Amino acid sequence: SEQDRQQIREQYQIGTGDILVGNVAFIRHYKGHDFIVRTAAKMPGNFKFMIVGGGDDLPLLQQTIERAGVVDRFILPGHREDPERFFSAMDMIFFSSYEGEGISQSFIQGLLYGLPLLTCRTPSLMEPLAMVEKYRVVDYGDTEDAGRKLLELAGDLQCDAARIERQRQVVAEKYGLQTMIRTIVKVYEEHGIAL
């Protein structure tokens, strides 16, 4: 919501001219957060980065941010039970996972918000991208290309309510709760188990 956006951005001192690039995930090495940090170090100062999530690798991520010299541009709110509030505050998403992990829940949540998206070329994520209008794909580790693509996405941050609603509907139709229930019931029925 707009109220959540304003509240979170104010809480974390994100200025009106700042571009907030976000990621919601458990902090694990295969989530590629170090790639976000290395890319952040090459970006203009008005690009701020928020990684929402907790995990055993959080201290390592904090050290990586310190070594890269971008502590002043990173926000780490930790594990949150209300990630939707944080998606509202973001201008775009940088989904940096580089190992096959299926389709991430936070990836689908992000798509529901219609935010511009930069994602690593992960096979499991290519199919859902067919439903997205504003996205770029990057190879994991290519900070130059990631920086260029973040700048491209930042060039058009206009909120198009109709586009966002179209994207939300198609994503919910394909990956929403009702679709998942129908799929599970169908699988059970195919194996002779009536529900």
Protein backbone atom coordinates (compact mmCIF):
# COMPACT_ATOMS: atom_id res chain seq x y z
CA SER A 1 0.00 0.00 0.00
CA GLU A 2 1.04 3.60 -0.43
CA GLN A 3 0.88 4.04 3.35
CA ASP A 4 3.30 1.13 3.88
CA ARG A 5 5.58 2.53 1.19
CA GLN A 6 5.78 5.93 2.83
CA GLN A 7 6.15 4.52 6.33
CA ILE A 8 8.97 2.10 5.45
CA ARG A 9 10.84 4.62 3.31
CA GLU A 10 10.61 7.19 6.08
CA GLN A 11 11.66 4.66 8.74
CA TYR A 12 14.79 3.74 6.79
CA GLN A 13 15.49 7.29 5.56
CA ILE A 14 15.04 6.56 1.87
CA GLY A 15 14.77 9.91 0.11
CA THR A 16 12.35 10.84 -2.65
CA GLY A 17 15.21 10.85 -5.17
CA ASP A 18 16.50 7.47 -4.03
CA ILE A 19 15.84 4.26 -5.96
CA LEU A 20 15.27 1.33 -3.63
CA VAL A 21 16.37 -2.02 -5.05
CA GLY A 22 15.04 -4.86 -2.93
CA ASN A 23 15.32 -8.56 -2.31
CA VAL A 24 13.33 -10.77 0.07
CA ALA A 25 14.93 -14.12 0.91
CA PHE A 26 16.59 -16.29 3.49
CA ILE A 27 20.20 -15.22 3.76
CA ARG A 28 22.02 -18.20 2.22
CA HIS A 29 25.07 -18.27 -0.07
CA TYR A 30 23.13 -19.63 -3.07
CA LYS A 31 20.74 -16.67 -2.91
CA GLY A 32 23.55 -14.61 -4.45
CA HIS A 33 23.36 -11.62 -2.13
CA ASP A 34 27.09 -11.03 -2.58
CA PHE A 35 26.30 -10.32 -6.26
CA ILE A 36 23.85 -7.61 -5.17
CA VAL A 37 26.55 -6.10 -2.93
CA ARG A 38 29.20 -6.15 -5.67
CA THR A 39 26.72 -4.57 -8.10
CA ALA A 40 25.73 -1.93 -5.53
CA ALA A 41 29.35 -0.83 -5.26
CA LYS A 42 29.25 0.16 -8.95
CA MET A 43 25.94 2.04 -8.80
CA PRO A 44 25.30 5.78 -8.29
CA GLY A 45 24.76 6.89 -4.70
CA ASN A 46 21.00 7.37 -5.09
CA PHE A 47 20.60 3.59 -5.47
CA LYS A 48 19.80 2.08 -2.07
CA PHE A 49 19.55 -1.65 -1.45
CA MET A 50 17.34 -3.55 0.97
CA ILE A 51 17.62 -7.26 1.67
CA VAL A 52 14.75 -8.46 3.84
CA GLY A 53 15.39 -11.79 5.53
CA GLY A 54 17.33 -13.64 8.15
CA GLY A 55 19.52 -16.68 8.22
CA ASP A 56 22.81 -18.16 9.30
CA ASP A 57 24.75 -16.29 6.62
CA LEU A 58 23.60 -12.82 7.75
CA PRO A 59 26.92 -12.03 9.52
CA LEU A 60 28.80 -13.00 6.35
CA LEU A 61 26.55 -10.72 4.28
CA GLN A 62 27.18 -7.85 6.71
CA GLN A 63 30.94 -8.38 6.37
CA THR A 64 30.62 -8.42 2.57
CA ILE A 65 28.73 -5.10 2.67
CA GLU A 66 31.38 -3.56 4.94
CA ARG A 67 34.26 -4.75 2.73
CA ALA A 68 32.53 -3.33 -0.36
CA GLY A 69 32.20 0.07 1.34
CA VAL A 70 28.44 0.35 0.84
CA VAL A 71 27.16 0.15 4.43
CA ASP A 72 25.51 3.56 4.02
CA ARG A 73 23.42 2.28 1.09
CA PHE A 74 22.29 -1.07 2.52
CA ILE A 75 19.31 -1.80 4.73
CA LEU A 76 18.98 -5.20 6.39
CA PRO A 77 15.67 -5.32 8.30
CA GLY A 78 16.16 -9.01 9.15
CA HIS A 79 13.48 -11.70 9.09
CA ARG A 80 9.99 -10.26 8.72
CA GLU A 81 6.55 -11.83 8.87
CA ASP A 82 5.17 -8.93 6.80
CA PRO A 83 7.29 -8.92 3.61
CA GLU A 84 4.43 -7.39 1.62
CA ARG A 85 4.98 -4.10 3.46
CA PHE A 86 8.58 -4.07 2.29
CA PHE A 87 7.72 -4.91 -1.32
CA SER A 88 5.50 -1.80 -1.23
CA ALA A 89 8.53 0.34 -0.40
CA MET A 90 10.71 -1.01 -3.21
CA ASP A 91 11.14 0.52 -6.66
CA MET A 92 12.49 -2.67 -8.21
CA ILE A 93 13.57 -6.17 -7.27
CA PHE A 94 16.99 -7.75 -7.78
CA PHE A 95 16.48 -11.51 -7.57
CA SER A 96 20.02 -12.84 -7.33
CA SER A 97 19.63 -16.59 -6.72
CA TYR A 98 21.96 -18.51 -8.97
CA GLU A 99 21.25 -22.14 -8.14
CA GLY A 100 18.18 -24.05 -9.19
CA GLU A 101 15.77 -23.92 -6.29
CA GLY A 102 12.44 -24.30 -8.01
CA ILE A 103 10.25 -21.24 -8.18
CA SER A 104 10.89 -19.11 -5.13
CA GLN A 105 7.95 -17.92 -3.06
CA SER A 106 9.45 -14.45 -2.73
CA PHE A 107 9.96 -14.32 -6.51
CA ILE A 108 6.24 -14.93 -7.07
CA GLN A 109 5.35 -12.45 -4.31
CA GLY A 110 7.49 -9.85 -6.04
CA LEU A 111 5.78 -10.51 -9.37
CA LEU A 112 2.42 -9.88 -7.73
CA TYR A 113 3.54 -6.31 -6.96
CA GLY A 114 4.36 -5.60 -10.59
CA LEU A 115 7.76 -4.15 -9.76
CA PRO A 116 10.49 -3.96 -12.39
CA LEU A 117 12.72 -6.98 -11.96
CA LEU A 118 16.36 -7.87 -12.51
CA THR A 119 16.93 -11.61 -12.16
CA CYS A 120 19.77 -14.02 -12.66
CA ARG A 121 19.45 -16.46 -15.50
CA THR A 122 18.08 -19.36 -13.44
CA PRO A 123 16.20 -21.99 -15.47
CA SER A 124 13.30 -22.34 -13.02
CA LEU A 125 12.56 -18.61 -13.25
CA MET A 126 12.47 -18.20 -17.01
CA GLU A 127 8.88 -19.49 -17.41
CA PRO A 128 7.29 -17.01 -14.96
CA LEU A 129 9.09 -14.14 -16.71
CA ALA A 130 6.74 -14.62 -19.67
CA MET A 131 4.14 -12.89 -17.47
CA VAL A 132 6.31 -9.88 -16.69
CA GLU A 133 6.56 -6.74 -18.80
CA LYS A 134 9.41 -4.91 -17.05
CA TYR A 135 12.37 -7.18 -16.45
CA ARG A 136 15.95 -7.85 -17.40
CA VAL A 137 17.97 -11.07 -17.10
CA VAL A 138 21.63 -11.13 -16.13
CA ASP A 139 24.28 -13.81 -15.71
CA TYR A 140 25.29 -14.29 -12.09
CA GLY A 141 28.45 -12.37 -11.29
CA ASP A 142 28.34 -9.94 -14.23
CA THR A 143 28.25 -6.73 -12.20
CA GLU A 144 28.80 -4.49 -15.23
CA ASP A 145 25.74 -5.89 -17.01
CA ALA A 146 23.70 -5.91 -13.80
CA GLY A 147 24.52 -2.24 -13.24
CA ARG A 148 23.54 -1.33 -16.81
CA LYS A 149 20.27 -3.20 -16.49
CA LEU A 150 19.40 -1.62 -13.14
CA LEU A 151 19.94 1.78 -14.75
CA GLU A 152 17.70 0.76 -17.68
CA LEU A 153 14.93 -0.37 -15.33
CA ALA A 154 15.32 2.78 -13.25
CA GLY A 155 14.70 4.84 -16.38
CA ASP A 156 11.03 3.87 -16.32
CA LEU A 157 9.69 3.62 -12.78
CA GLN A 158 6.32 5.10 -13.65
CA CYS A 159 3.55 3.26 -11.84
CA ASP A 160 1.18 1.85 -14.45
CA ALA A 161 -1.75 0.55 -12.41
CA ALA A 162 -3.32 -1.26 -15.38
CA ARG A 163 -0.06 -3.08 -16.23
CA ILE A 164 0.46 -4.05 -12.58
CA GLU A 165 -3.09 -5.38 -12.30
CA ARG A 166 -2.69 -7.40 -15.53
CA GLN A 167 0.53 -8.90 -14.21
CA ARG A 168 -1.01 -9.61 -10.80
CA GLN A 169 -3.97 -11.40 -12.37
CA VAL A 170 -1.92 -13.60 -14.69
CA VAL A 171 0.58 -14.50 -11.95
CA ALA A 172 -2.19 -15.29 -9.45
CA GLU A 173 -4.00 -17.37 -12.06
CA LYS A 174 -0.90 -19.46 -12.74
CA TYR A 175 0.66 -19.62 -9.25
CA GLY A 176 -2.12 -18.67 -6.85
CA LEU A 177 -3.58 -20.78 -4.07
CA GLN A 178 -6.61 -22.03 -6.05
CA THR A 179 -4.41 -23.17 -8.93
CA MET A 180 -2.07 -24.96 -6.55
CA ILE A 181 -4.98 -26.74 -4.85
CA ARG A 182 -6.42 -27.86 -8.21
CA THR A 183 -3.01 -29.14 -9.28
CA ILE A 184 -2.49 -31.10 -6.06
CA VAL A 185 -5.97 -32.64 -6.23
CA LYS A 186 -5.36 -33.62 -9.86
CA VAL A 187 -2.05 -35.30 -9.00
CA TYR A 188 -3.69 -37.29 -6.19
CA GLU A 189 -6.56 -38.31 -8.47
CA GLU A 190 -4.11 -39.44 -11.16
CA HIS A 191 -2.66 -41.80 -8.56
CA GLY A 192 -6.05 -43.17 -7.51
CA ILE A 193 -6.45 -41.14 -4.34
CA ALA A 194 -9.76 -39.34 -4.05
CA LEU A 195 -9.86 -36.20 -1.94
